Protein backbone atom coordinates (compact mmCIF):
# COMPACT_ATOMS: atom_id res chain seq x y z
CA UNK A 1 160.23 163.60 118.01
CA UNK A 2 162.91 160.98 117.26
CA UNK A 3 166.10 160.94 119.21
CA UNK A 4 168.96 162.90 117.76
CA UNK A 5 171.99 161.10 116.54
CA UNK A 6 174.10 162.75 119.21
CA UNK A 7 172.05 160.96 121.90
CA UNK A 8 173.05 157.48 120.78
CA UNK A 9 171.14 154.72 119.10
CA UNK A 10 167.48 155.26 118.19
CA UNK A 11 166.27 151.89 119.48
CA UNK A 12 162.72 152.03 118.07
CA UNK A 13 163.88 153.12 114.61
CA UNK A 14 166.55 150.41 114.65
CA UNK A 15 164.01 147.73 115.60
CA UNK A 16 161.68 148.72 112.74
CA UNK A 17 164.63 148.86 110.33
CA UNK A 18 165.80 145.38 111.38
CA UNK A 19 162.27 143.98 111.03
CA UNK A 20 161.97 145.09 107.40
CA UNK A 21 165.54 144.05 106.64
CA UNK A 22 164.89 140.54 107.96
CA UNK A 23 161.61 140.37 106.02
CA UNK A 24 163.24 141.16 102.68
CA UNK A 25 166.11 138.79 103.50
CA UNK A 26 163.64 135.93 103.86
CA UNK A 27 161.94 137.04 100.62
CA UNK A 28 165.31 137.09 98.88
CA UNK A 29 166.03 133.46 99.71
CA UNK A 30 162.47 132.29 99.02
CA UNK A 31 162.66 133.94 95.58
CA UNK A 32 164.87 131.03 94.43
CA UNK A 33 161.69 128.91 94.33
CA UNK A 34 159.55 131.57 92.63
CA UNK A 35 158.73 130.56 89.02
CA UNK A 36 161.70 128.23 89.08
CA UNK A 37 162.29 126.33 85.82
CA UNK A 38 163.17 122.64 85.67
CA UNK A 39 166.57 123.50 84.16
CA UNK A 40 167.64 126.57 86.13
CA UNK A 41 171.44 126.30 85.83
CA UNK A 42 171.82 128.85 83.02
CA UNK A 43 172.07 132.60 82.58
CA UNK A 44 168.54 132.97 81.24
CA UNK A 45 167.17 131.68 84.55
CA UNK A 46 169.66 133.10 87.06
CA UNK A 47 170.60 136.34 85.30
CA UNK A 48 167.29 137.23 83.56
CA UNK A 49 164.67 135.54 85.74
CA UNK A 50 163.75 133.17 82.93
CA UNK A 51 162.70 136.14 80.76
CA UNK A 52 159.26 135.65 82.30
CA UNK A 53 158.29 138.90 84.08
CA UNK A 54 155.04 140.67 83.18
CA UNK A 55 154.15 144.37 83.17
CA UNK A 56 153.88 145.01 86.91
CA UNK A 57 156.85 142.92 87.97
CA UNK A 58 158.96 144.62 85.29
CA UNK A 59 157.68 148.03 86.42
CA UNK A 60 158.66 147.44 90.02
CA UNK A 61 161.96 145.87 88.97
CA UNK A 62 162.90 148.78 86.68
CA UNK A 63 161.75 151.29 89.28
CA UNK A 64 163.75 149.54 91.97
CA UNK A 65 166.67 149.43 89.57
CA UNK A 66 166.67 153.07 88.43
CA UNK A 67 165.48 154.90 91.54
CA UNK A 68 168.03 153.73 94.07
CA UNK A 69 168.96 154.42 97.68
CA UNK A 70 171.60 156.76 96.41
CA UNK A 71 168.93 158.63 94.43
CA UNK A 72 166.96 158.91 97.66
CA UNK A 73 170.00 160.36 99.42
CA UNK A 74 171.87 162.25 96.68
CA UNK A 75 169.14 164.16 94.81
CA UNK A 76 167.82 166.06 97.86
CA UNK A 77 171.43 166.38 99.10
CA UNK A 78 172.28 168.17 95.84
CA UNK A 79 169.26 170.46 96.31
CA UNK A 80 170.31 171.07 99.92
CA UNK A 81 173.83 171.99 98.81
CA UNK A 82 173.25 174.00 95.62
CA UNK A 83 169.52 174.47 95.12
CA UNK A 84 167.92 174.37 91.68
CA UNK A 85 170.76 172.55 89.92
CA UNK A 86 169.88 169.44 91.94
CA UNK A 87 166.55 169.22 90.12
CA UNK A 88 168.25 168.17 86.85
CA UNK A 89 167.32 164.57 87.71
CA UNK A 90 163.62 165.36 87.24
CA UNK A 91 163.68 166.46 83.56
CA UNK A 92 166.15 163.76 82.62
CA UNK A 93 163.87 161.04 83.97
CA UNK A 94 161.09 162.57 81.85
CA UNK A 95 163.20 162.83 78.68
CA UNK A 96 164.41 159.24 78.92
CA UNK A 97 161.07 157.48 78.40
CA UNK A 98 160.19 158.68 74.86
CA UNK A 99 163.79 157.86 73.94
CA UNK A 100 163.69 154.30 75.23
CA UNK A 101 160.23 153.75 73.69
CA UNK A 102 161.99 153.98 70.32
CA UNK A 103 164.74 151.43 70.86
CA UNK A 104 164.10 149.14 73.85
CA UNK A 105 161.36 147.07 72.15
CA UNK A 106 163.72 146.48 69.22
CA UNK A 107 166.51 145.40 71.58
CA UNK A 108 164.15 143.07 73.43
CA UNK A 109 162.97 141.46 70.18
CA UNK A 110 166.39 140.77 68.71
CA UNK A 111 167.71 139.59 72.09
CA UNK A 112 164.77 137.23 72.53
CA UNK A 113 165.22 135.86 69.03
CA UNK A 114 168.94 135.16 69.42
CA UNK A 115 169.22 134.46 73.14
CA UNK A 116 171.27 137.59 73.84
CA UNK A 117 171.78 138.22 77.56
CA UNK A 118 173.77 141.47 77.37
CA UNK A 119 174.15 144.52 75.12
CA UNK A 120 177.60 143.23 74.20
CA UNK A 121 176.00 140.01 72.92
CA UNK A 122 173.94 142.14 70.54
CA UNK A 123 176.88 144.31 69.46
CA UNK A 124 178.96 141.21 68.71
CA UNK A 125 176.14 139.60 66.74
CA UNK A 126 175.20 142.76 64.85
CA UNK A 127 178.67 143.92 63.83
CA UNK A 128 180.57 140.63 63.97
CA UNK A 129 183.20 142.23 66.21
CA UNK A 130 184.39 140.69 69.46
CA UNK A 131 186.69 143.69 69.97
CA UNK A 132 183.79 146.17 69.91
CA UNK A 133 181.75 143.81 72.08
CA UNK A 134 184.60 143.62 74.62
CA UNK A 135 184.87 147.43 74.71
CA UNK A 136 181.14 147.73 75.47
CA UNK A 137 181.34 144.99 78.13
CA UNK A 138 184.34 146.45 79.96
CA UNK A 139 182.78 149.92 79.89
CA UNK A 140 179.62 148.51 81.41
CA UNK A 141 181.49 146.72 84.19
CA UNK A 142 183.64 149.79 84.98
CA UNK A 143 180.61 152.09 85.07
CA UNK A 144 178.63 149.71 87.27
CA UNK A 145 181.22 149.13 90.03
CA UNK A 146 181.09 152.63 91.61
CA UNK A 147 177.31 152.61 91.19
CA UNK A 148 177.12 149.53 93.43
CA UNK A 149 179.50 151.22 95.87
CA UNK A 150 177.18 154.19 96.14
CA UNK A 151 174.29 151.95 97.16
CA UNK A 152 176.43 150.86 100.10
CA UNK A 153 177.14 154.54 100.79
CA UNK A 154 173.36 155.04 101.03
CA UNK A 155 173.05 152.24 103.59
CA UNK A 156 176.02 153.63 105.50
CA UNK A 157 174.38 157.08 105.70
CA UNK A 158 171.32 155.54 107.35
CA UNK A 159 173.45 153.51 109.77
CA UNK A 160 175.43 156.64 110.70
CA UNK A 161 172.27 158.58 111.52
CA UNK A 162 170.81 155.68 113.53
CA UNK A 163 173.99 155.78 115.60
CA UNK A 164 175.04 152.15 115.20
CA UNK A 165 178.59 151.05 114.53
CA UNK A 166 180.24 153.51 116.89
CA UNK A 167 181.95 156.83 116.30
CA UNK A 168 184.82 157.86 114.10
CA UNK A 169 187.42 156.59 116.59
CA UNK A 170 185.80 153.18 117.06
CA UNK A 171 187.66 150.08 115.88
CA UNK A 172 187.09 149.82 112.12
CA UNK A 173 185.62 146.33 112.33
CA UNK A 174 183.03 147.31 114.95
CA UNK A 175 182.23 150.53 113.11
CA UNK A 176 181.64 148.79 109.77
CA UNK A 177 180.11 145.57 111.13
CA UNK A 178 176.47 146.54 110.33
CA UNK A 179 177.46 147.31 106.73
CA UNK A 180 179.38 144.03 106.50
CA UNK A 181 176.31 142.13 107.70
CA UNK A 182 174.07 143.89 105.15
CA UNK A 183 176.60 143.08 102.43
CA UNK A 184 176.82 139.42 103.43
CA UNK A 185 173.04 139.01 103.31
CA UNK A 186 172.84 140.76 99.93
CA UNK A 187 175.61 138.58 98.52
CA UNK A 188 174.04 135.36 99.82
CA UNK A 189 170.54 135.77 98.44
CA UNK A 190 171.76 137.20 95.12
CA UNK A 191 174.02 134.16 94.72
CA UNK A 192 171.15 131.85 95.58
CA UNK A 193 168.20 133.41 93.77
CA UNK A 194 169.65 135.56 90.98
CA UNK A 195 167.39 138.22 89.46
CA UNK A 196 164.27 136.77 91.06
CA UNK A 197 165.41 138.09 94.47
CA UNK A 198 165.48 141.81 93.62
CA UNK A 199 162.34 141.40 91.48
CA UNK A 200 160.41 140.13 94.51
CA UNK A 201 161.95 142.57 97.01
CA UNK A 202 161.27 145.52 94.67
CA UNK A 203 157.57 145.36 95.59
CA UNK A 204 158.42 146.07 99.24
CA UNK A 205 161.07 148.66 98.39
CA UNK A 206 158.89 150.74 96.08
CA UNK A 207 155.87 150.50 98.35
CA UNK A 208 157.89 151.82 101.28
CA UNK A 209 159.40 154.64 99.25
CA UNK A 210 156.01 155.82 97.96
CA UNK A 211 154.65 155.67 101.52
CA UNK A 212 157.57 157.61 103.04
CA UNK A 213 157.62 160.34 100.40
CA UNK A 214 153.82 160.68 100.49
CA UNK A 215 153.92 161.20 104.26
CA UNK A 216 157.04 163.41 104.20
CA UNK A 217 155.72 165.82 101.57
CA UNK A 218 152.64 166.50 103.74
CA UNK A 219 153.82 166.01 107.33
CA UNK A 220 157.18 167.85 107.25
CA UNK A 221 155.91 171.09 105.64
CA UNK A 222 153.12 171.26 108.23
CA UNK A 223 155.74 171.05 111.01
CA UNK A 224 157.94 173.65 109.30
CA UNK A 225 155.23 176.27 108.71
CA UNK A 226 154.31 175.54 105.08
CA UNK A 227 156.04 175.75 101.71
CA UNK A 228 156.20 179.57 101.72
CA UNK A 229 158.35 179.45 104.82
CA UNK A 230 160.45 176.58 103.40
CA UNK A 231 161.23 178.36 100.11
CA UNK A 232 161.92 181.67 101.89
CA UNK A 233 164.43 180.00 104.22
CA UNK A 234 166.05 178.12 101.32
CA UNK A 235 166.39 181.33 99.29
CA UNK A 236 168.13 183.13 102.16
CA UNK A 237 170.48 180.23 102.89
CA UNK A 238 171.43 179.63 99.26
CA UNK A 239 172.14 183.34 98.72
CA UNK A 240 174.91 183.20 101.34
CA UNK A 241 178.55 182.98 100.12
CA UNK A 242 179.52 179.49 99.06
CA UNK A 243 182.72 177.55 98.51
CA UNK A 244 183.66 179.70 95.49
CA UNK A 245 184.71 183.22 96.65
CA UNK A 246 182.33 185.95 95.51
CA UNK A 247 179.58 183.54 94.48
CA UNK A 248 176.50 182.41 96.40
CA UNK A 249 176.11 178.85 97.59
CA UNK A 250 173.29 178.21 95.10
CA UNK A 251 169.89 179.44 93.95
CA UNK A 252 166.27 178.40 94.36
CA UNK A 253 165.57 178.85 90.64
CA UNK A 254 168.13 178.24 87.92
CA UNK A 255 169.70 181.40 86.52
CA UNK A 256 170.70 182.09 82.89
CA UNK A 257 174.37 181.30 83.51
CA UNK A 258 173.51 177.75 84.54
CA UNK A 259 171.18 176.86 81.68
CA UNK A 260 173.71 175.17 79.39
CA UNK A 261 175.11 173.07 82.22
CA UNK A 262 171.63 172.16 83.43
CA UNK A 263 170.23 171.28 80.00
CA UNK A 264 173.23 169.28 78.79
CA UNK A 265 173.49 167.37 82.08
CA UNK A 266 169.79 166.48 81.90
CA UNK A 267 169.98 165.42 78.24
CA UNK A 268 173.23 163.49 78.62
CA UNK A 269 171.98 161.70 81.72
CA UNK A 270 168.77 160.74 79.91
CA UNK A 271 170.75 159.25 77.01
CA UNK A 272 173.02 157.35 79.41
CA UNK A 273 170.46 155.88 81.83
CA UNK A 274 169.44 152.88 79.74
CA UNK A 275 172.96 152.22 78.54
CA UNK A 276 173.79 150.90 82.03
CA UNK A 277 173.91 147.09 82.16
CA UNK A 278 171.45 146.87 85.07
CA UNK A 279 168.81 148.81 83.11
CA UNK A 280 169.16 146.41 80.18
CA UNK A 281 169.15 143.34 82.44
CA UNK A 282 165.81 144.37 83.97
CA UNK A 283 164.46 145.09 80.47
CA UNK A 284 165.45 141.75 78.96
CA UNK A 285 163.85 139.89 81.88
CA UNK A 286 160.36 140.79 80.63
CA UNK A 287 158.30 138.26 78.71
CA UNK A 288 157.23 140.33 75.67
CA UNK A 289 158.01 143.51 73.75
CA UNK A 290 154.58 144.88 74.72
CA UNK A 291 155.61 144.68 78.37
CA UNK A 292 158.48 147.03 77.52
CA UNK A 293 156.23 149.42 75.58
CA UNK A 294 153.72 149.58 78.43
CA UNK A 295 156.48 150.22 80.96
CA UNK A 296 157.79 153.22 79.06
CA UNK A 297 154.35 154.79 79.51
CA UNK A 298 153.92 154.08 83.24
CA UNK A 299 157.49 154.46 84.52
CA UNK A 300 157.18 158.31 84.50
CA UNK A 301 155.13 157.90 87.69
CA UNK A 302 158.51 157.53 89.39
CA UNK A 303 159.51 160.96 88.03
CA UNK A 304 156.65 162.51 89.99
CA UNK A 305 158.01 160.82 93.10
CA UNK A 306 161.50 162.12 92.29
CA UNK A 307 160.28 165.72 92.03
CA UNK A 308 158.69 165.47 95.46
CA UNK A 309 161.82 163.80 96.83
CA UNK A 310 164.01 166.67 95.61
CA UNK A 311 161.91 169.16 97.60
CA UNK A 312 163.11 167.46 100.80
CA UNK A 313 166.45 169.22 100.25
CA UNK A 314 164.79 172.61 100.78
CA UNK A 315 162.99 171.24 103.83
CA UNK A 316 166.32 170.17 105.34
CA UNK A 317 167.60 173.73 104.93
CA UNK A 318 164.54 175.17 106.68
CA UNK A 319 164.79 172.58 109.46
CA UNK A 320 168.43 173.50 110.14
CA UNK A 321 169.47 169.87 109.73
CA UNK A 322 172.92 169.12 111.09
CA UNK A 323 174.78 167.32 108.29
CA UNK A 324 178.14 167.20 110.14
CA UNK A 325 179.95 168.26 106.98
CA UNK A 326 178.43 165.45 104.89
CA UNK A 327 175.46 166.48 102.66
CA UNK A 328 174.63 162.78 102.16
CA UNK A 329 173.29 162.76 105.75
CA UNK A 330 170.78 165.58 105.08
CA UNK A 331 167.72 163.43 104.38
CA UNK A 332 168.35 160.61 106.86
CA UNK A 333 168.98 163.24 109.56
CA UNK A 334 165.89 165.22 108.50
CA UNK A 335 163.78 162.07 108.93
CA UNK A 336 165.42 161.39 112.30
CA UNK A 337 164.62 164.93 113.48
CA UNK A 338 161.10 165.25 112.09
CA UNK A 339 159.40 161.85 112.30
CA UNK A 340 158.30 159.80 115.31
CA UNK A 341 160.82 157.08 116.01
CA UNK A 342 158.71 154.23 114.58
CA UNK A 343 158.19 156.03 111.26
CA UNK A 344 161.86 157.02 111.16
CA UNK A 345 162.54 153.28 111.12
CA UNK A 346 160.15 152.84 108.19
CA UNK A 347 161.90 155.66 106.29
CA UNK A 348 165.34 154.21 106.99
CA UNK A 349 164.11 150.78 105.87
CA UNK A 350 162.94 152.34 102.59
CA UNK A 351 166.42 153.73 101.97
CA UNK A 352 168.20 150.55 103.10
CA UNK A 353 166.06 148.23 100.98
CA UNK A 354 166.32 150.80 98.21
CA UNK A 355 170.04 150.02 98.20
CA UNK A 356 169.72 146.23 98.23
CA UNK A 357 167.51 145.95 95.12
CA UNK A 358 169.67 147.92 92.65
CA UNK A 359 172.93 146.61 94.14
CA UNK A 360 171.73 143.05 93.48
CA UNK A 361 170.66 143.84 89.89
CA UNK A 362 173.89 145.72 89.17
CA UNK A 363 176.08 142.88 90.40
CA UNK A 364 174.07 140.39 88.31
CA UNK A 365 174.36 142.62 85.23
CA UNK A 366 178.13 142.98 85.65
CA UNK A 367 178.42 139.20 86.13
CA UNK A 368 176.40 138.57 82.96
CA UNK A 369 178.72 140.85 80.98
CA UNK A 370 181.88 139.20 82.26
CA UNK A 371 180.55 135.67 81.78
CA UNK A 372 179.21 136.12 78.27
CA UNK A 373 181.60 138.67 76.78
CA UNK A 374 184.92 137.98 78.52
CA UNK A 375 184.84 134.41 79.85
CA UNK A 376 182.88 132.77 77.02
CA UNK A 377 184.11 134.94 74.13
CA UNK A 378 187.81 134.93 75.05
CA UNK A 379 188.62 132.42 77.80
CA UNK A 380 186.38 129.40 77.25
CA UNK A 381 184.40 129.55 73.98
CA UNK A 382 182.99 126.04 74.54
CA UNK A 383 181.60 126.84 78.00
CA UNK A 384 178.40 124.99 78.80
CA UNK A 385 175.30 126.76 80.18
CA UNK A 386 176.07 125.20 83.59
CA UNK A 387 179.63 126.60 83.52
CA UNK A 388 178.33 130.05 82.54
CA UNK A 389 175.86 129.87 85.42
CA UNK A 390 178.58 128.98 87.93
CA UNK A 391 180.99 131.68 86.73
CA UNK A 392 178.30 134.35 86.78
CA UNK A 393 177.37 133.56 90.39
CA UNK A 394 181.00 133.74 91.49
CA UNK A 395 181.63 137.00 89.59
CA UNK A 396 178.55 138.58 91.17
CA UNK A 397 180.17 137.95 94.57
CA UNK A 398 183.52 139.39 93.46
CA UNK A 399 181.84 142.52 92.09
CA UNK A 400 180.10 143.16 95.41
CA UNK A 401 183.32 142.52 97.34
CA UNK A 402 185.07 145.07 95.13
CA UNK A 403 182.34 147.62 95.79
CA UNK A 404 182.52 146.97 99.53
CA UNK A 405 186.30 147.43 99.59
CA UNK A 406 185.80 150.63 97.60
CA UNK A 407 183.41 152.02 100.22
CA UNK A 408 185.42 150.92 103.27
CA UNK A 409 188.85 152.07 102.10
CA UNK A 410 188.18 155.25 100.14
CA UNK A 411 186.70 158.64 100.91
CA UNK A 412 183.03 158.87 99.90
CA UNK A 413 183.77 161.70 97.47
CA UNK A 414 186.00 159.30 95.52
CA UNK A 415 183.06 156.94 95.03
CA UNK A 416 180.89 159.84 93.91
CA UNK A 417 183.58 161.02 91.46
CA UNK A 418 183.91 157.57 89.94
CA UNK A 419 180.13 157.33 89.57
CA UNK A 420 180.19 160.64 87.67
CA UNK A 421 182.91 159.16 85.48
CA UNK A 422 180.75 156.07 85.02
CA UNK A 423 177.99 158.19 83.50
CA UNK A 424 180.46 159.77 81.07
CA UNK A 425 181.87 156.37 80.12
CA UNK A 426 178.61 154.47 79.67
CA UNK A 427 177.26 157.16 77.31
CA UNK A 428 180.05 156.26 74.88
CA UNK A 429 178.42 152.87 74.23
CA UNK A 430 175.27 154.46 72.79
CA UNK A 431 176.40 154.69 69.13
CA UNK A 432 177.17 150.96 69.02
CA UNK A 433 173.98 149.87 70.77
CA UNK A 434 171.28 152.28 69.60
CA UNK A 435 172.95 152.93 66.24
CA UNK A 436 173.18 149.19 65.66
CA UNK A 437 169.49 148.71 66.40
CA UNK A 438 168.47 150.96 63.52
CA UNK A 439 171.28 150.79 60.97
CA UNK A 440 174.38 148.86 60.06
CA UNK A 441 175.90 151.78 58.18
CA UNK A 442 178.48 152.45 60.90
CA UNK A 443 181.65 150.44 60.43
CA UNK A 444 182.75 148.33 63.40
CA UNK A 445 186.27 149.82 63.41
CA UNK A 446 184.88 153.36 63.25
CA UNK A 447 182.59 152.67 66.21
CA UNK A 448 185.52 151.32 68.20
CA UNK A 449 187.63 154.40 67.36
CA UNK A 450 184.74 156.72 68.28
CA UNK A 451 184.30 154.90 71.59
CA UNK A 452 188.04 155.27 72.36
CA UNK A 453 187.98 159.00 71.48
CA UNK A 454 184.94 159.65 73.68
CA UNK A 455 186.37 157.66 76.59
CA UNK A 456 189.74 159.44 76.41
CA UNK A 457 188.31 162.94 76.08
CA UNK A 458 185.67 162.39 78.76
CA UNK A 459 188.15 161.01 81.28
CA UNK A 460 190.75 163.74 80.73
CA UNK A 461 188.14 166.53 80.78
CA UNK A 462 186.65 165.20 84.04
CA UNK A 463 190.15 164.88 85.53
CA UNK A 464 190.71 168.58 84.82
CA UNK A 465 187.64 169.80 86.71
CA UNK A 466 188.73 171.36 90.01
CA UNK A 467 186.82 172.82 92.95
CA UNK A 468 188.04 174.57 96.11
CA UNK A 469 187.90 171.17 97.86
CA UNK A 470 189.13 168.87 95.06
CA UNK A 471 191.96 169.16 92.56
CA UNK A 472 190.53 166.61 90.12
CA UNK A 473 187.15 165.10 89.17
CA UNK A 474 185.39 168.00 90.88
CA UNK A 475 182.17 167.74 88.87
CA UNK A 476 180.49 166.54 85.65
CA UNK A 477 180.65 169.81 83.69
CA UNK A 478 183.37 171.78 81.89
CA UNK A 479 183.73 174.31 79.08
CA UNK A 480 182.44 173.03 75.72
CA UNK A 481 185.21 173.42 73.10
CA UNK A 482 184.29 176.01 70.49
CA UNK A 483 181.28 177.34 72.41
CA UNK A 484 182.81 178.49 75.66
CA UNK A 485 179.66 177.53 77.56
CA UNK A 486 179.79 175.16 80.52
CA UNK A 487 178.20 171.83 79.61
CA UNK A 488 178.06 168.17 80.59
CA UNK A 489 181.35 166.46 79.75
CA UNK A 490 179.64 163.18 78.87
CA UNK A 491 177.52 164.82 76.15
CA UNK A 492 180.52 166.64 74.68
CA UNK A 493 182.45 163.35 74.61
CA UNK A 494 179.46 161.67 72.98
CA UNK A 495 179.36 164.28 70.20
CA UNK A 496 183.08 163.71 69.59
CA UNK A 497 182.46 159.95 69.61
CA UNK A 498 179.76 160.19 66.93
CA UNK A 499 181.80 162.61 64.82
CA UNK A 500 184.80 160.26 64.79
CA UNK A 501 182.57 157.27 63.99
CA UNK A 502 180.89 159.07 61.07
CA UNK A 503 184.11 160.39 59.53
CA UNK A 504 185.95 157.08 59.84
CA UNK A 505 182.95 155.13 58.54
CA UNK A 506 182.93 157.26 55.37
CA UNK A 507 186.68 156.71 54.96
CA UNK A 508 186.53 152.96 55.64
CA UNK A 509 183.60 152.51 53.27
CA UNK A 510 185.56 154.37 50.59
CA UNK A 511 188.44 151.91 51.01
CA UNK A 512 186.08 148.89 51.15
CA UNK A 513 187.26 147.84 54.60
CA UNK A 514 185.75 144.44 55.47
CA UNK A 515 182.56 144.29 57.52
CA UNK A 516 181.95 141.66 60.16
CA UNK A 517 179.17 139.08 59.80
CA UNK A 518 175.70 140.29 60.81
CA UNK A 519 173.82 137.34 62.32
CA UNK A 520 170.55 139.26 62.63
CA UNK A 521 167.81 139.88 60.06
CA UNK A 522 165.29 142.78 59.75
CA UNK A 523 162.41 140.64 61.04
CA UNK A 524 164.31 139.94 64.28
CA UNK A 525 163.85 143.55 65.45
CA UNK A 526 160.06 143.37 65.56
CA UNK A 527 159.63 139.73 66.67
CA UNK A 528 157.53 139.03 69.75
CA UNK A 529 157.49 136.18 72.24
CA UNK A 530 155.04 134.13 70.18
CA UNK A 531 157.06 134.40 66.96
CA UNK A 532 158.92 131.21 66.12
CA UNK A 533 162.12 130.77 64.22
CA UNK A 534 165.16 128.54 64.08
CA UNK A 535 167.09 130.52 66.67
CA UNK A 536 164.10 130.92 68.98
CA UNK A 537 163.96 127.17 69.41
CA UNK A 538 167.62 126.79 70.36
CA UNK A 539 168.85 126.78 73.96
CA UNK A 540 170.26 130.15 75.11
CA UNK A 541 173.93 129.19 74.91
CA UNK A 542 173.55 128.09 71.27
CA UNK A 543 171.30 130.94 70.22
CA UNK A 544 173.71 133.51 71.61
CA UNK A 545 176.74 132.13 69.75
CA UNK A 546 177.94 134.20 66.77
CA UNK A 547 176.90 132.76 63.44
CA UNK A 548 179.66 132.03 61.01
CA UNK A 549 182.50 132.20 63.57
């Protein structure tokens, strides 16, 4: 049995953790030489890995991108806290893949043809609107920042359970020094290697996670007396009074009163997942549209892993895991209590590396958005590829610094609340992106107005959600206007967004409001890597520039 956190540092687990951390650090820096192009000082090379990744690299990269350290910590923590409602992540990661099969290949094709690096590049080119493009870019950056912060929260949870950094009354610098070191290493190899670093490290990260979950789902139930005993203990614990007077803490199976909230949260989360900039960055790094199509069929393997991961929340209840008032510690502490020390180190390494991969991709994606759609579009339209490359690397550092400050200076619940807001916000970019991939009927001004309406409603509705512990931003669900049922705020805001866009488009078309210039053609949306055209032969900076502006 591993040493408990209360008995100090688990030396063996720490040694194993450090070994894997150093290994992926070396891989991160060596990745700069992996498939390096002769002319590497541009966004295509640094921010998209040269658009050269095949099926398996893309699969590991997307898996490492979407199934993060925070997923590893938060999903079972939600099950530990409230039971069945925490399983919403499983159906939403099943729903998302048929959805993205419809539009991601089209986005890849048009982006490859025109040298688009971000979704905002596409929106600007499709609708001829820098204003709409800026709205999509800023939304992506805002939604990504707390997501990066939560990866650092995941690392911090592991460090807390390992007992390094001191107690609550330790000097802040000593307490946070391990996290600062992890951040510095992440920042250094991302700056040096760009997207190639997380692509290479993702192999180690995903391998470790599959190993740890495979062992945990067999080993821990044997030690706890089997799944019958686990579910019985979870049912008794969740039936006890919870934070809301007169109501139980949770339930093992979802009841009828929770079905609207559960279904809308799952559907809304599925629609939002591939609107995040880091999801698109990993997608556009692949070398052909068929790579994307194949990945939509094999990525659901991660959903199986996620379902097994969620069950660890029930195991933590049965094990009587001491979370010290912080549910985020449930799984790290369960591993500490159940596994031998050496394997505890392997499990902690899986979570720690599971934070580094997505944090790197997210910071690169945010940097790409700022560089292309703020710096180049508004500050320096004549920026050279080398200047874009330099700005993106600097912005990736600033983004990570911002996330680190966020984690070190604010309560962890604030980071979680902002990440919930991020999901609501990023969903409001769907009409512009997915709608634009299939039709140009929507008017650019109507899409911008719909986006503003969805953002405003979603933010205000989330602000009004209160719990016994929080006055504002207490959760992702609220009453749906006109129905009275409790549903996901992001999906309600999305419906409002689309309604405003449709009504205003009809009105603007009736008044013959001017359209922007569409620089794409129908053939662009089905083009593959081997298809040649005028734009395909241009360097990325030229191909991504709006035609006719």
